[in-house]
PDB file of N, CA and C in Angstrom:
ATOM      1  N   MET A   1      12.462 -30.272  -7.743  1.00  0.00           N
ATOM      2  CA  MET A   1      11.486 -29.495  -6.939  1.00  0.00           C
ATOM      3  C   MET A   1      12.699 -29.382  -6.061  1.00  0.00           C
ATOM      4  N   ARG A   2      12.901 -27.395  -5.545  1.00  0.00           N
ATOM      5  CA  ARG A   2      14.196 -27.591  -4.199  1.00  0.00           C
ATOM      6  C   ARG A   2      13.033 -27.517  -3.345  1.00  0.00           C
ATOM      7  N   PRO A   3      13.630 -27.717  -1.628  1.00  0.00           N
ATOM      8  CA  PRO A   3      13.711 -27.714  -0.955  1.00  0.00           C
ATOM      9  C   PRO A   3      12.601 -26.049  -0.287  1.00  0.00           C
ATOM     10  N   PHE A   4      11.536 -25.911  -0.042  1.00  0.00           N
ATOM     11  CA  PHE A   4      11.858 -24.676   0.490  1.00  0.00           C
ATOM     12  C   PHE A   4      11.714 -24.321   1.890  1.00  0.00           C
ATOM     13  N   PRO A   5      10.943 -22.792   2.485  1.00  0.00           N
ATOM     14  CA  PRO A   5      11.052 -22.894   4.279  1.00  0.00           C
ATOM     15  C   PRO A   5       8.945 -23.233   3.790  1.00  0.00           C
ATOM     16  N   LEU A   6       9.294 -24.380   4.271  1.00  0.00           N
ATOM     17  CA  LEU A   6       7.586 -24.862   4.511  1.00  0.00           C
ATOM     18  C   LEU A   6       6.904 -23.972   5.579  1.00  0.00           C
ATOM     19  N   LYS A   7       7.516 -23.500   6.612  1.00  0.00           N
ATOM     20  CA  LYS A   7       7.197 -22.637   7.913  1.00  0.00           C
ATOM     21  C   LYS A   7       6.710 -21.028   7.076  1.00  0.00           C
ATOM     22  N   GLN A   8       7.358 -21.205   5.910  1.00  0.00           N
ATOM     23  CA  GLN A   8       6.591 -19.847   5.249  1.00  0.00           C
ATOM     24  C   GLN A   8       5.511 -19.542   4.892  1.00  0.00           C
ATOM     25  N   VAL A   9       5.297 -20.904   4.234  1.00  0.00           N
ATOM     26  CA  VAL A   9       3.685 -21.800   3.941  1.00  0.00           C
ATOM     27  C   VAL A   9       2.685 -21.843   4.875  1.00  0.00           C
ATOM     28  N   ARG A  10       3.239 -22.599   5.366  1.00  0.00           N
ATOM     29  CA  ARG A  10       2.038 -22.577   6.564  1.00  0.00           C
ATOM     30  C   ARG A  10       1.560 -21.070   7.879  1.00  0.00           C
ATOM     31  N   LEU A  11       2.746 -20.224   8.158  1.00  0.00           N
ATOM     32  CA  LEU A  11       2.729 -19.096   8.396  1.00  0.00           C
ATOM     33  C   LEU A  11       1.368 -18.465   7.871  1.00  0.00           C
ATOM     34  N   GLY A  12       1.886 -18.130   6.261  1.00  0.00           N
ATOM     35  CA  GLY A  12       0.079 -17.804   5.608  1.00  0.00           C
ATOM     36  C   GLY A  12      -0.746 -18.140   5.401  1.00  0.00           C
ATOM     37  N   TRP A  13      -0.981 -20.210   5.344  1.00  0.00           N
ATOM     38  CA  TRP A  13      -1.936 -20.862   5.613  1.00  0.00           C
ATOM     39  C   TRP A  13      -2.502 -19.922   6.970  1.00  0.00           C
ATOM     40  N   HIS A  14      -1.808 -20.821   8.119  1.00  0.00           N
ATOM     41  CA  HIS A  14      -2.887 -20.016   9.271  1.00  0.00           C
ATOM     42  C   HIS A  14      -3.405 -18.768   9.445  1.00  0.00           C
ATOM     43  N   ASP A  15      -2.663 -18.157   8.881  1.00  0.00           N
ATOM     44  CA  ASP A  15      -2.605 -16.323   8.942  1.00  0.00           C
ATOM     45  C   ASP A  15      -4.033 -16.124   8.020  1.00  0.00           C
ATOM     46  N   ALA A  16      -4.629 -16.838   7.400  1.00  0.00           N
ATOM     47  CA  ALA A  16      -5.654 -16.955   6.409  1.00  0.00           C
ATOM     48  C   ALA A  16      -6.813 -18.391   6.115  1.00  0.00           C
ATOM     49  N   GLY A  17      -6.304 -19.285   7.029  1.00  0.00           N
ATOM     50  CA  GLY A  17      -7.073 -20.726   6.971  1.00  0.00           C
ATOM     51  C   GLY A  17      -8.252 -20.471   8.524  1.00  0.00           C
ATOM     52  N   THR A  18      -8.277 -19.267   9.253  1.00  0.00           N
ATOM     53  CA  THR A  18     -10.241 -18.960   9.990  1.00  0.00           C
ATOM     54  C   THR A  18     -10.809 -18.005   9.590  1.00  0.00           C
ATOM     55  N   TYR A  19     -10.335 -17.746   8.032  1.00  0.00           N
ATOM     56  CA  TYR A  19     -12.204 -16.809   6.923  1.00  0.00           C
ATOM     57  C   TYR A  19     -12.407 -18.060   7.311  1.00  0.00           C
ATOM     58  N   ASN A  20     -13.730 -17.595   7.502  1.00  0.00           N
ATOM     59  CA  ASN A  20     -15.664 -18.085   7.835  1.00  0.00           C
ATOM     60  C   ASN A  20     -16.644 -16.681   6.586  1.00  0.00           C
ATOM     61  N   LYS A  21     -16.518 -17.216   5.778  1.00  0.00           N
ATOM     62  CA  LYS A  21     -17.803 -16.494   4.367  1.00  0.00           C
ATOM     63  C   LYS A  21     -18.990 -16.400   5.397  1.00  0.00           C
ATOM     64  N   ASN A  22     -19.814 -17.213   5.892  1.00  0.00           N
ATOM     65  CA  ASN A  22     -21.038 -17.042   6.947  1.00  0.00           C
ATOM     66  C   ASN A  22     -21.317 -15.652   7.513  1.00  0.00           C
ATOM     67  N   ILE A  23     -19.156 -15.392   8.263  1.00  0.00           N
ATOM     68  CA  ILE A  23     -19.643 -14.069   8.725  1.00  0.00           C
ATOM     69  C   ILE A  23     -19.681 -12.574   8.538  1.00  0.00           C
ATOM     70  N   GLU A  24     -19.982 -11.460   8.521  1.00  0.00           N
ATOM     71  CA  GLU A  24     -19.962 -10.812   7.171  1.00  0.00           C
ATOM     72  C   GLU A  24     -19.110  -9.905   8.303  1.00  0.00           C
ATOM     73  N   GLU A  25     -18.898  -9.728   9.656  1.00  0.00           N
ATOM     74  CA  GLU A  25     -18.208  -8.517  10.154  1.00  0.00           C
ATOM     75  C   GLU A  25     -16.621  -9.117   9.931  1.00  0.00           C
ATOM     76  N   TRP A  26     -16.137  -7.617   9.298  1.00  0.00           N
ATOM     77  CA  TRP A  26     -14.842  -7.542   9.434  1.00  0.00           C
ATOM     78  C   TRP A  26     -14.010  -7.162  11.260  1.00  0.00           C
ATOM     79  N   PRO A  27     -12.950  -7.964  11.863  1.00  0.00           N
ATOM     80  CA  PRO A  27     -12.593  -8.605  11.616  1.00  0.00           C
ATOM     81  C   PRO A  27     -12.867 -10.022  12.165  1.00  0.00           C
ATOM     82  N   LEU A  28     -14.931  -9.893  12.691  1.00  0.00           N
ATOM     83  CA  LEU A  28     -14.538 -11.856  13.481  1.00  0.00           C
ATOM     84  C   LEU A  28     -14.472 -12.621  11.982  1.00  0.00           C
ATOM     85  N   ARG A  29     -15.233 -12.155  11.028  1.00  0.00           N
ATOM     86  CA  ARG A  29     -14.983 -13.510   9.743  1.00  0.00           C
ATOM     87  C   ARG A  29     -12.842 -14.180  10.026  1.00  0.00           C
ATOM     88  N   GLY A  30     -12.721 -13.345  10.194  1.00  0.00           N
ATOM     89  CA  GLY A  30     -11.180 -14.183  10.281  1.00  0.00           C
ATOM     90  C   GLY A  30     -10.374 -14.086   8.460  1.00  0.00           C
ATOM     91  N   GLY A  31      -9.344 -14.499   8.369  1.00  0.00           N
ATOM     92  CA  GLY A  31      -8.875 -14.817   6.791  1.00  0.00           C
ATOM     93  C   GLY A  31      -7.814 -14.002   8.153  1.00  0.00           C
ATOM     94  N   ALA A  32      -6.909 -14.261   6.432  1.00  0.00           N
ATOM     95  CA  ALA A  32      -5.020 -13.078   6.404  1.00  0.00           C
ATOM     96  C   ALA A  32      -5.675 -11.406   6.559  1.00  0.00           C
ATOM     97  N   ASN A  33      -5.559 -11.808   7.758  1.00  0.00           N
ATOM     98  CA  ASN A  33      -5.447 -10.579   8.928  1.00  0.00           C
ATOM     99  C   ASN A  33      -4.391 -10.632   9.724  1.00  0.00           C
ATOM    100  N   GLY A  34      -3.238 -10.444   9.095  1.00  0.00           N
ATOM    101  CA  GLY A  34      -2.301 -10.728  10.491  1.00  0.00           C
ATOM    102  C   GLY A  34      -2.263 -11.081  11.667  1.00  0.00           C
ATOM    103  N   ASN A  35      -2.952 -11.686  12.461  1.00  0.00           N
ATOM    104  CA  ASN A  35      -3.082 -12.564  13.442  1.00  0.00           C
ATOM    105  C   ASN A  35      -2.846 -13.180  14.563  1.00  0.00           C
ATOM    106  N   LEU A  36      -1.542 -13.985  13.004  1.00  0.00           N
ATOM    107  CA  LEU A  36      -0.248 -14.811  14.403  1.00  0.00           C
ATOM    108  C   LEU A  36       0.512 -14.087  14.826  1.00  0.00           C
ATOM    109  N   ARG A  37       0.972 -12.636  14.435  1.00  0.00           N
ATOM    110  CA  ARG A  37       1.816 -12.173  15.166  1.00  0.00           C
ATOM    111  C   ARG A  37       1.613 -11.305  17.062  1.00  0.00           C
ATOM    112  N   PHE A  38       0.207 -12.010  17.750  1.00  0.00           N
ATOM    113  CA  PHE A  38      -0.328 -11.992  18.509  1.00  0.00           C
ATOM    114  C   PHE A  38       0.094 -12.964  18.918  1.00  0.00           C
ATOM    115  N   GLU A  39       0.695 -12.925  21.181  1.00  0.00           N
ATOM    116  CA  GLU A  39       0.793 -14.132  21.671  1.00  0.00           C
ATOM    117  C   GLU A  39      -0.058 -15.515  21.700  1.00  0.00           C
ATOM    118  N   ILE A  40      -1.678 -14.595  22.022  1.00  0.00           N
ATOM    119  CA  ILE A  40      -2.282 -15.532  22.453  1.00  0.00           C
ATOM    120  C   ILE A  40      -3.017 -16.451  21.125  1.00  0.00           C
ATOM    121  N   GLU A  41      -3.112 -15.589  19.655  1.00  0.00           N
ATOM    122  CA  GLU A  41      -3.079 -16.867  18.186  1.00  0.00           C
ATOM    123  C   GLU A  41      -2.086 -17.533  18.095  1.00  0.00           C
ATOM    124  N   LEU A  42      -0.471 -17.159  18.645  1.00  0.00           N
ATOM    125  CA  LEU A  42       0.740 -18.294  18.601  1.00  0.00           C
ATOM    126  C   LEU A  42       0.000 -18.908  19.220  1.00  0.00           C
ATOM    127  N   LYS A  43      -0.429 -18.875  20.340  1.00  0.00           N
ATOM    128  CA  LYS A  43      -0.542 -20.347  21.404  1.00  0.00           C
ATOM    129  C   LYS A  43      -1.054 -20.682  21.088  1.00  0.00           C
ATOM    130  N   GLN A  44      -3.077 -20.543  20.565  1.00  0.00           N
ATOM    131  CA  GLN A  44      -3.914 -21.935  20.023  1.00  0.00           C
ATOM    132  C   GLN A  44      -3.296 -22.256  19.673  1.00  0.00           C
ATOM    133  N   THR A  45      -2.782 -21.697  18.290  1.00  0.00           N
ATOM    134  CA  THR A  45      -2.184 -22.747  16.965  1.00  0.00           C
ATOM    135  C   THR A  45      -1.089 -23.426  17.578  1.00  0.00           C
ATOM    136  N   LEU A  46      -0.471 -23.158  18.583  1.00  0.00           N
ATOM    137  CA  LEU A  46       0.981 -23.676  18.410  1.00  0.00           C
ATOM    138  C   LEU A  46       0.647 -25.343  19.571  1.00  0.00           C
ATOM    139  N   SER A  47      -1.308 -24.665  20.835  1.00  0.00           N
ATOM    140  CA  SER A  47      -1.187 -26.894  21.242  1.00  0.00           C
ATOM    141  C   SER A  47      -2.082 -26.854  20.802  1.00  0.00           C
ATOM    142  N   SER A  48      -2.266 -26.458  20.072  1.00  0.00           N
ATOM    143  CA  SER A  48      -3.263 -27.973  19.334  1.00  0.00           C
ATOM    144  C   SER A  48      -2.943 -28.121  17.975  1.00  0.00           C
ATOM    145  N   GLN A  49      -1.736 -27.950  17.840  1.00  0.00           N
ATOM    146  CA  GLN A  49      -0.793 -28.253  16.273  1.00  0.00           C
ATOM    147  C   GLN A  49       0.866 -28.598  15.907  1.00  0.00           C
ATOM    148  N   SER A  50       1.648 -29.271  17.267  1.00  0.00           N
ATOM    149  CA  SER A  50       2.228 -28.710  17.953  1.00  0.00           C
ATOM    150  C   SER A  50       3.467 -28.900  16.882  1.00  0.00           C
ATOM    151  N   SER A  51       3.052 -29.605  15.597  1.00  0.00           N
ATOM    152  CA  SER A  51       4.116 -29.561  14.183  1.00  0.00           C
ATOM    153  C   SER A  51       4.165 -28.491  13.772  1.00  0.00           C
ATOM    154  N   PHE A  52       3.142 -27.096  14.266  1.00  0.00           N
ATOM    155  CA  PHE A  52       4.091 -25.978  13.691  1.00  0.00           C
ATOM    156  C   PHE A  52       4.450 -25.336  14.551  1.00  0.00           C
ATOM    157  N   SER A  53       4.972 -25.534  15.230  1.00  0.00           N
ATOM    158  CA  SER A  53       6.057 -23.993  16.163  1.00  0.00           C
ATOM    159  C   SER A  53       6.368 -23.430  15.205  1.00  0.00           C
ATOM    160  N   GLY A  54       6.857 -24.186  14.146  1.00  0.00           N
ATOM    161  CA  GLY A  54       7.960 -22.993  13.090  1.00  0.00           C
ATOM    162  C   GLY A  54       7.636 -22.010  13.053  1.00  0.00           C
ATOM    163  N   LEU A  55       6.065 -21.759  12.925  1.00  0.00           N
ATOM    164  CA  LEU A  55       5.598 -20.537  13.086  1.00  0.00           C
ATOM    165  C   LEU A  55       5.912 -19.411  13.944  1.00  0.00           C
ATOM    166  N   VAL A  56       7.193 -19.579  14.942  1.00  0.00           N
ATOM    167  CA  VAL A  56       7.295 -18.519  15.601  1.00  0.00           C
ATOM    168  C   VAL A  56       8.858 -18.325  14.665  1.00  0.00           C
ATOM    169  N   ASN A  57      10.256 -18.691  14.124  1.00  0.00           N
ATOM    170  CA  ASN A  57      10.704 -18.867  13.872  1.00  0.00           C
ATOM    171  C   ASN A  57      10.526 -18.452  12.133  1.00  0.00           C
ATOM    172  N   ALA A  58       9.737 -18.590  11.353  1.00  0.00           N
ATOM    173  CA  ALA A  58       8.892 -17.889  10.139  1.00  0.00           C
ATOM    174  C   ALA A  58       8.724 -16.221  10.715  1.00  0.00           C
ATOM    175  N   LEU A  59       7.893 -16.020  11.699  1.00  0.00           N
ATOM    176  CA  LEU A  59       7.904 -14.608  12.350  1.00  0.00           C
ATOM    177  C   LEU A  59       9.167 -13.878  12.531  1.00  0.00           C
ATOM    178  N   LYS A  60       9.970 -14.284  13.439  1.00  0.00           N
ATOM    179  CA  LYS A  60      11.221 -14.066  13.487  1.00  0.00           C
ATOM    180  C   LYS A  60      11.807 -13.277  12.141  1.00  0.00           C
ATOM    181  N   LEU A  61      11.820 -14.536  11.193  1.00  0.00           N
ATOM    182  CA  LEU A  61      12.505 -14.473   9.573  1.00  0.00           C
ATOM    183  C   LEU A  61      12.014 -13.025   9.358  1.00  0.00           C
ATOM    184  N   LEU A  62      10.872 -13.197   9.570  1.00  0.00           N
ATOM    185  CA  LEU A  62      10.025 -11.247   8.620  1.00  0.00           C
ATOM    186  C   LEU A  62       9.627 -10.283   9.364  1.00  0.00           C
ATOM    187  N   GLN A  63      10.093  -9.960  10.795  1.00  0.00           N
ATOM    188  CA  GLN A  63      10.185  -8.934  11.269  1.00  0.00           C
ATOM    189  C   GLN A  63      10.883  -8.159  10.908  1.00  0.00           C
ATOM    190  N   PRO A  64      12.702  -8.236  10.322  1.00  0.00           N
ATOM    191  CA  PRO A  64      13.003  -7.367   9.911  1.00  0.00           C
ATOM    192  C   PRO A  64      13.053  -6.104   8.795  1.00  0.00           C
ATOM    193  N   ILE A  65      11.687  -7.187   8.024  1.00  0.00           N
ATOM    194  CA  ILE A  65      10.545  -6.890   6.751  1.00  0.00           C
ATOM    195  C   ILE A  65      10.831  -6.018   7.321  1.00  0.00           C
ATOM    196  N   LYS A  66       9.159  -6.256   8.018  1.00  0.00           N
ATOM    197  CA  LYS A  66       8.504  -5.823   8.132  1.00  0.00           C
ATOM    198  C   LYS A  66       8.600  -4.374   8.666  1.00  0.00           C
ATOM    199  N   ASP A  67       9.781  -4.070  10.059  1.00  0.00           N
ATOM    200  CA  ASP A  67      10.793  -3.289  10.109  1.00  0.00           C
ATOM    201  C   ASP A  67      11.037  -2.411   9.341  1.00  0.00           C
ATOM    202  N   LYS A  68      11.641  -2.330   8.537  1.00  0.00           N
ATOM    203  CA  LYS A  68      12.588  -1.556   7.328  1.00  0.00           C
ATOM    204  C   LYS A  68      11.040  -1.538   6.186  1.00  0.00           C
ATOM    205  N   TYR A  69      10.472  -2.212   5.785  1.00  0.00           N
ATOM    206  CA  TYR A  69       9.118  -1.387   5.190  1.00  0.00           C
ATOM    207  C   TYR A  69       7.649  -1.073   6.748  1.00  0.00           C
ATOM    208  N   SER A  70       7.595  -0.429   7.029  1.00  0.00           N
ATOM    209  CA  SER A  70       6.620  -0.489   7.500  1.00  0.00           C
ATOM    210  C   SER A  70       5.093  -0.221   7.632  1.00  0.00           C
ATOM    211  N   GLY A  71       4.768   0.399   6.259  1.00  0.00           N
ATOM    212  CA  GLY A  71       4.063   0.029   5.641  1.00  0.00           C
ATOM    213  C   GLY A  71       3.312  -1.125   5.237  1.00  0.00           C
ATOM    214  N   VAL A  72       4.257  -2.000   4.955  1.00  0.00           N
ATOM    215  CA  VAL A  72       3.231  -3.392   4.457  1.00  0.00           C
ATOM    216  C   VAL A  72       2.402  -3.795   5.721  1.00  0.00           C
ATOM    217  N   THR A  73       1.767  -4.180   5.710  1.00  0.00           N
ATOM    218  CA  THR A  73       0.910  -5.069   6.026  1.00  0.00           C
ATOM    219  C   THR A  73       1.733  -6.387   6.955  1.00  0.00           C
ATOM    220  N   TYR A  74       1.539  -7.141   8.147  1.00  0.00           N
ATOM    221  CA  TYR A  74       1.089  -8.487   8.186  1.00  0.00           C
ATOM    222  C   TYR A  74       0.496  -8.974   7.751  1.00  0.00           C
ATOM    223  N   ALA A  75      -0.440  -8.395   7.246  1.00  0.00           N
ATOM    224  CA  ALA A  75      -1.321  -9.870   6.293  1.00  0.00           C
ATOM    225  C   ALA A  75      -0.805 -10.231   4.842  1.00  0.00           C
ATOM    226  N   ASP A  76      -0.649  -8.699   4.618  1.00  0.00           N
ATOM    227  CA  ASP A  76       0.169  -8.906   2.515  1.00  0.00           C
ATOM    228  C   ASP A  76       1.798  -9.571   3.639  1.00  0.00           C
ATOM    229  N   LEU A  77       2.506  -9.062   4.407  1.00  0.00           N
ATOM    230  CA  LEU A  77       4.082 -10.148   4.567  1.00  0.00           C
ATOM    231  C   LEU A  77       3.693 -10.857   4.379  1.00  0.00           C
ATOM    232  N   PHE A  78       2.405 -11.999   5.270  1.00  0.00           N
ATOM    233  CA  PHE A  78       2.807 -13.313   5.324  1.00  0.00           C
ATOM    234  C   PHE A  78       2.019 -13.971   4.137  1.00  0.00           C
ATOM    235  N   GLN A  79       1.315 -13.358   3.431  1.00  0.00           N
ATOM    236  CA  GLN A  79       0.601 -13.733   2.559  1.00  0.00           C
ATOM    237  C   GLN A  79       2.423 -14.385   1.377  1.00  0.00           C
ATOM    238  N   LEU A  80       2.876 -12.957   1.046  1.00  0.00           N
ATOM    239  CA  LEU A  80       3.452 -12.913  -0.022  1.00  0.00           C
ATOM    240  C   LEU A  80       4.875 -13.750   0.007  1.00  0.00           C
ATOM    241  N   ALA A  81       4.649 -13.555   1.461  1.00  0.00           N
ATOM    242  CA  ALA A  81       6.250 -14.921   2.471  1.00  0.00           C
ATOM    243  C   ALA A  81       5.793 -16.528   1.645  1.00  0.00           C
ATOM    244  N   SER A  82       4.619 -16.461   1.952  1.00  0.00           N
ATOM    245  CA  SER A  82       4.119 -18.076   1.312  1.00  0.00           C
ATOM    246  C   SER A  82       4.117 -18.094   0.015  1.00  0.00           C
ATOM    247  N   ALA A  83       3.628 -17.542  -1.247  1.00  0.00           N
ATOM    248  CA  ALA A  83       3.062 -17.415  -2.397  1.00  0.00           C
ATOM    249  C   ALA A  83       4.717 -17.476  -2.918  1.00  0.00           C
ATOM    250  N   THR A  84       5.736 -17.097  -2.117  1.00  0.00           N
ATOM    251  CA  THR A  84       7.005 -16.999  -2.489  1.00  0.00           C
ATOM    252  C   THR A  84       7.689 -18.046  -1.939  1.00  0.00           C
ATOM    253  N   ALA A  85       7.525 -18.812  -1.017  1.00  0.00           N
ATOM    254  CA  ALA A  85       8.466 -19.760  -1.178  1.00  0.00           C
ATOM    255  C   ALA A  85       7.570 -21.344  -1.849  1.00  0.00           C
ATOM    256  N   MET A  86       6.554 -20.997  -1.606  1.00  0.00           N
ATOM    257  CA  MET A  86       5.901 -22.338  -3.036  1.00  0.00           C
ATOM    258  C   MET A  86       6.101 -21.739  -4.240  1.00  0.00           C
ATOM    259  N   GLU A  87       6.641 -20.682  -4.750  1.00  0.00           N
ATOM    260  CA  GLU A  87       7.731 -20.703  -6.299  1.00  0.00           C
ATOM    261  C   GLU A  87       9.100 -20.474  -5.998  1.00  0.00           C
ATOM    262  N   GLU A  88       9.174 -20.630  -4.769  1.00  0.00           N
ATOM    263  CA  GLU A  88      11.310 -21.021  -5.305  1.00  0.00           C
ATOM    264  C   GLU A  88      11.140 -22.438  -5.215  1.00  0.00           C
ATOM    265  N   ALA A  89       9.765 -22.766  -4.642  1.00  0.00           N
ATOM    266  CA  ALA A  89       9.911 -24.253  -4.420  1.00  0.00           C
ATOM    267  C   ALA A  89       9.638 -25.573  -6.234  1.00  0.00           C
ATOM    268  N   GLY A  90       9.747 -24.453  -6.961  1.00  0.00           N
ATOM    269  CA  GLY A  90       9.084 -24.382  -8.487  1.00  0.00           C
ATOM    270  C   GLY A  90       7.820 -24.775  -8.082  1.00  0.00           C
ATOM    271  N   GLY A  91       7.155 -24.292  -7.482  1.00  0.00           N
ATOM    272  CA  GLY A  91       5.765 -24.058  -7.712  1.00  0.00           C
ATOM    273  C   GLY A  91       5.208 -22.706  -8.295  1.00  0.00           C
ATOM    274  N   SER A  92       3.403 -22.711  -8.617  1.00  0.00           N
ATOM    275  CA  SER A  92       3.565 -21.649  -9.807  1.00  0.00           C
ATOM    276  C   SER A  92       3.486 -20.677  -8.876  1.00  0.00           C
ATOM    277  N   LYS A  93       4.100 -19.029 -10.148  1.00  0.00           N
ATOM    278  CA  LYS A  93       3.817 -17.946  -9.119  1.00  0.00           C
ATOM    279  C   LYS A  93       2.459 -17.791  -8.872  1.00  0.00           C
ATOM    280  N   PHE A  94       1.767 -17.143  -8.476  1.00  0.00           N
ATOM    281  CA  PHE A  94       0.739 -16.419  -7.513  1.00  0.00           C
ATOM    282  C   PHE A  94       0.773 -15.539  -7.505  1.00  0.00           C
ATOM    283  N   PRO A  95      -0.002 -15.021  -8.132  1.00  0.00           N
ATOM    284  CA  PRO A  95      -0.863 -13.269  -8.402  1.00  0.00           C
ATOM    285  C   PRO A  95      -0.713 -12.494  -7.610  1.00  0.00           C
ATOM    286  N   MET A  96      -0.489 -12.151  -6.953  1.00  0.00           N
ATOM    287  CA  MET A  96      -0.646 -11.239  -5.681  1.00  0.00           C
ATOM    288  C   MET A  96      -1.417  -9.766  -5.982  1.00  0.00           C
ATOM    289  N   LYS A  97      -2.445  -9.685  -4.599  1.00  0.00           N
ATOM    290  CA  LYS A  97      -2.753  -8.736  -4.533  1.00  0.00           C
ATOM    291  C   LYS A  97      -2.899  -8.081  -2.832  1.00  0.00           C
ATOM    292  N   TYR A  98      -2.553  -6.887  -2.875  1.00  0.00           N
ATOM    293  CA  TYR A  98      -1.720  -6.213  -2.076  1.00  0.00           C
ATOM    294  C   TYR A  98      -3.226  -5.689  -0.992  1.00  0.00           C
ATOM    295  N   GLY A  99      -3.102  -4.624   0.082  1.00  0.00           N
ATOM    296  CA  GLY A  99      -4.291  -4.327   0.714  1.00  0.00           C
ATOM    297  C   GLY A  99      -4.740  -4.530   1.973  1.00  0.00           C
ATOM    298  N   ARG A 100      -4.094  -5.898   2.643  1.00  0.00           N
ATOM    299  CA  ARG A 100      -5.148  -6.470   3.045  1.00  0.00           C
ATOM    300  C   ARG A 100      -4.759  -5.559   4.735  1.00  0.00           C
ATOM    301  N   VAL A 101      -5.597  -5.923   5.475  1.00  0.00           N
ATOM    302  CA  VAL A 101      -5.655  -4.967   6.934  1.00  0.00           C
ATOM    303  C   VAL A 101      -5.631  -5.728   8.090  1.00  0.00           C
ATOM    304  N   ASP A 102      -4.249  -5.127   8.815  1.00  0.00           N
ATOM    305  CA  ASP A 102      -3.893  -6.020  10.223  1.00  0.00           C
ATOM    306  C   ASP A 102      -5.333  -6.044  11.320  1.00  0.00           C
ATOM    307  N   VAL A 103      -5.333  -7.264  12.275  1.00  0.00           N
ATOM    308  CA  VAL A 103      -5.954  -6.538  13.185  1.00  0.00           C
ATOM    309  C   VAL A 103      -4.895  -6.096  13.730  1.00  0.00           C
ATOM    310  N   SER A 104      -6.089  -5.171  14.829  1.00  0.00           N
ATOM    311  CA  SER A 104      -5.009  -3.894  15.483  1.00  0.00           C
ATOM    312  C   SER A 104      -4.538  -4.517  16.890  1.00  0.00           C
ATOM    313  N   GLU A 105      -5.532  -5.514  17.797  1.00  0.00           N
ATOM    314  CA  GLU A 105      -5.525  -6.043  19.275  1.00  0.00           C
ATOM    315  C   GLU A 105      -5.666  -7.109  19.259  1.00  0.00           C
ATOM    316  N   PRO A 106      -5.420  -8.292  20.083  1.00  0.00           N
ATOM    317  CA  PRO A 106      -5.769  -9.298  20.470  1.00  0.00           C
ATOM    318  C   PRO A 106      -6.780  -9.947  20.108  1.00  0.00           C
ATOM    319  N   GLU A 107      -8.051  -8.659  20.713  1.00  0.00           N
ATOM    320  CA  GLU A 107      -8.756  -9.132  20.710  1.00  0.00           C
ATOM    321  C   GLU A 107      -9.938  -9.434  19.684  1.00  0.00           C
ATOM    322  N   GLN A 108      -8.951  -8.764  18.299  1.00  0.00           N
ATOM    323  CA  GLN A 108     -10.126  -9.352  17.401  1.00  0.00           C
ATOM    324  C   GLN A 108      -9.453 -10.460  16.636  1.00  0.00           C
ATOM    325  N   CYS A 109      -8.747 -11.215  17.421  1.00  0.00           N
ATOM    326  CA  CYS A 109      -8.573 -12.517  16.980  1.00  0.00           C
ATOM    327  C   CYS A 109      -9.355 -13.496  16.259  1.00  0.00           C
ATOM    328  N   PRO A 110      -9.650 -14.536  15.958  1.00  0.00           N
ATOM    329  CA  PRO A 110     -10.553 -15.604  15.672  1.00  0.00           C
ATOM    330  C   PRO A 110     -10.638 -16.152  17.041  1.00  0.00           C
ATOM    331  N   GLU A 111     -11.927 -16.616  17.025  1.00  0.00           N
ATOM    332  CA  GLU A 111     -12.003 -18.099  18.334  1.00  0.00           C
ATOM    333  C   GLU A 111     -10.757 -19.083  17.910  1.00  0.00           C
ATOM    334  N   GLU A 112     -10.776 -19.427  19.341  1.00  0.00           N
ATOM    335  CA  GLU A 112      -9.767 -20.686  19.246  1.00  0.00           C
ATOM    336  C   GLU A 112     -10.587 -21.702  18.072  1.00  0.00           C
ATOM    337  N   GLY A 113     -10.032 -22.409  17.544  1.00  0.00           N
ATOM    338  CA  GLY A 113     -11.078 -23.248  16.721  1.00  0.00           C
ATOM    339  C   GLY A 113     -11.502 -23.557  15.435  1.00  0.00           C
ATOM    340  N   ARG A 114     -10.720 -22.274  14.836  1.00  0.00           N
ATOM    341  CA  ARG A 114     -11.817 -21.898  12.946  1.00  0.00           C
ATOM    342  C   ARG A 114     -11.015 -22.560  12.440  1.00  0.00           C
ATOM    343  N   LEU A 115      -9.837 -22.753  12.864  1.00  0.00           N
ATOM    344  CA  LEU A 115      -8.918 -23.900  11.739  1.00  0.00           C
ATOM    345  C   LEU A 115      -9.842 -25.590  10.974  1.00  0.00           C
ATOM    346  N   PRO A 116      -9.856 -24.853   9.807  1.00  0.00           N
ATOM    347  CA  PRO A 116     -10.267 -26.517   8.794  1.00  0.00           C
ATOM    348  C   PRO A 116      -9.576 -27.385   9.710  1.00  0.00           C
ATOM    349  N   GLY A 117     -10.391 -28.899   9.925  1.00  0.00           N
ATOM    350  CA  GLY A 117     -10.152 -30.205  10.271  1.00  0.00           C
ATOM    351  C   GLY A 117      -9.782 -29.841  11.603  1.00  0.00           C
ATOM    352  N   LYS A 118     -10.353 -29.092  12.566  1.00  0.00           N
ATOM    353  CA  LYS A 118      -9.669 -29.277  14.083  1.00  0.00           C
ATOM    354  C   LYS A 118     -11.867 -30.249  14.410  1.00  0.00           C
TER     355      LYS A 118
END
C-alpha cells in the first residue's frame, strides 16, 4: 500500500461525520456540507482533537482547486479529495455522486460535539 494524504481522508470524514439522521431540517442535520472551511468549525474540531491539525493544511491544498473551479462546492471537493486519497493508497474506487450543497455561513454549522466518539 502506498502512503497517502491522510489529512484529505480526515477532511472528508470530519465534514461528513456530523450527520444526524434523526434531524430532518437541513443544514441542522449536518453531514457533508462544506462546513470545515469556517474558522469556528475548524477551532471546534482542532480543539477537541489536536491530532487533526492537518485539516488546515488540507484546506490550503484544496483552495486553489476551489478557486479555479468555483462551481464545485466545498462539500463535493472535500469528499472527492477523501475518496481520491483512499483510491491512490490502493483502496477501492468509490462511486461518487455530486451535488452536495454548502452551508453559506458559520451559523449553519452543526453544534459542537456531534462527531462520533465524543
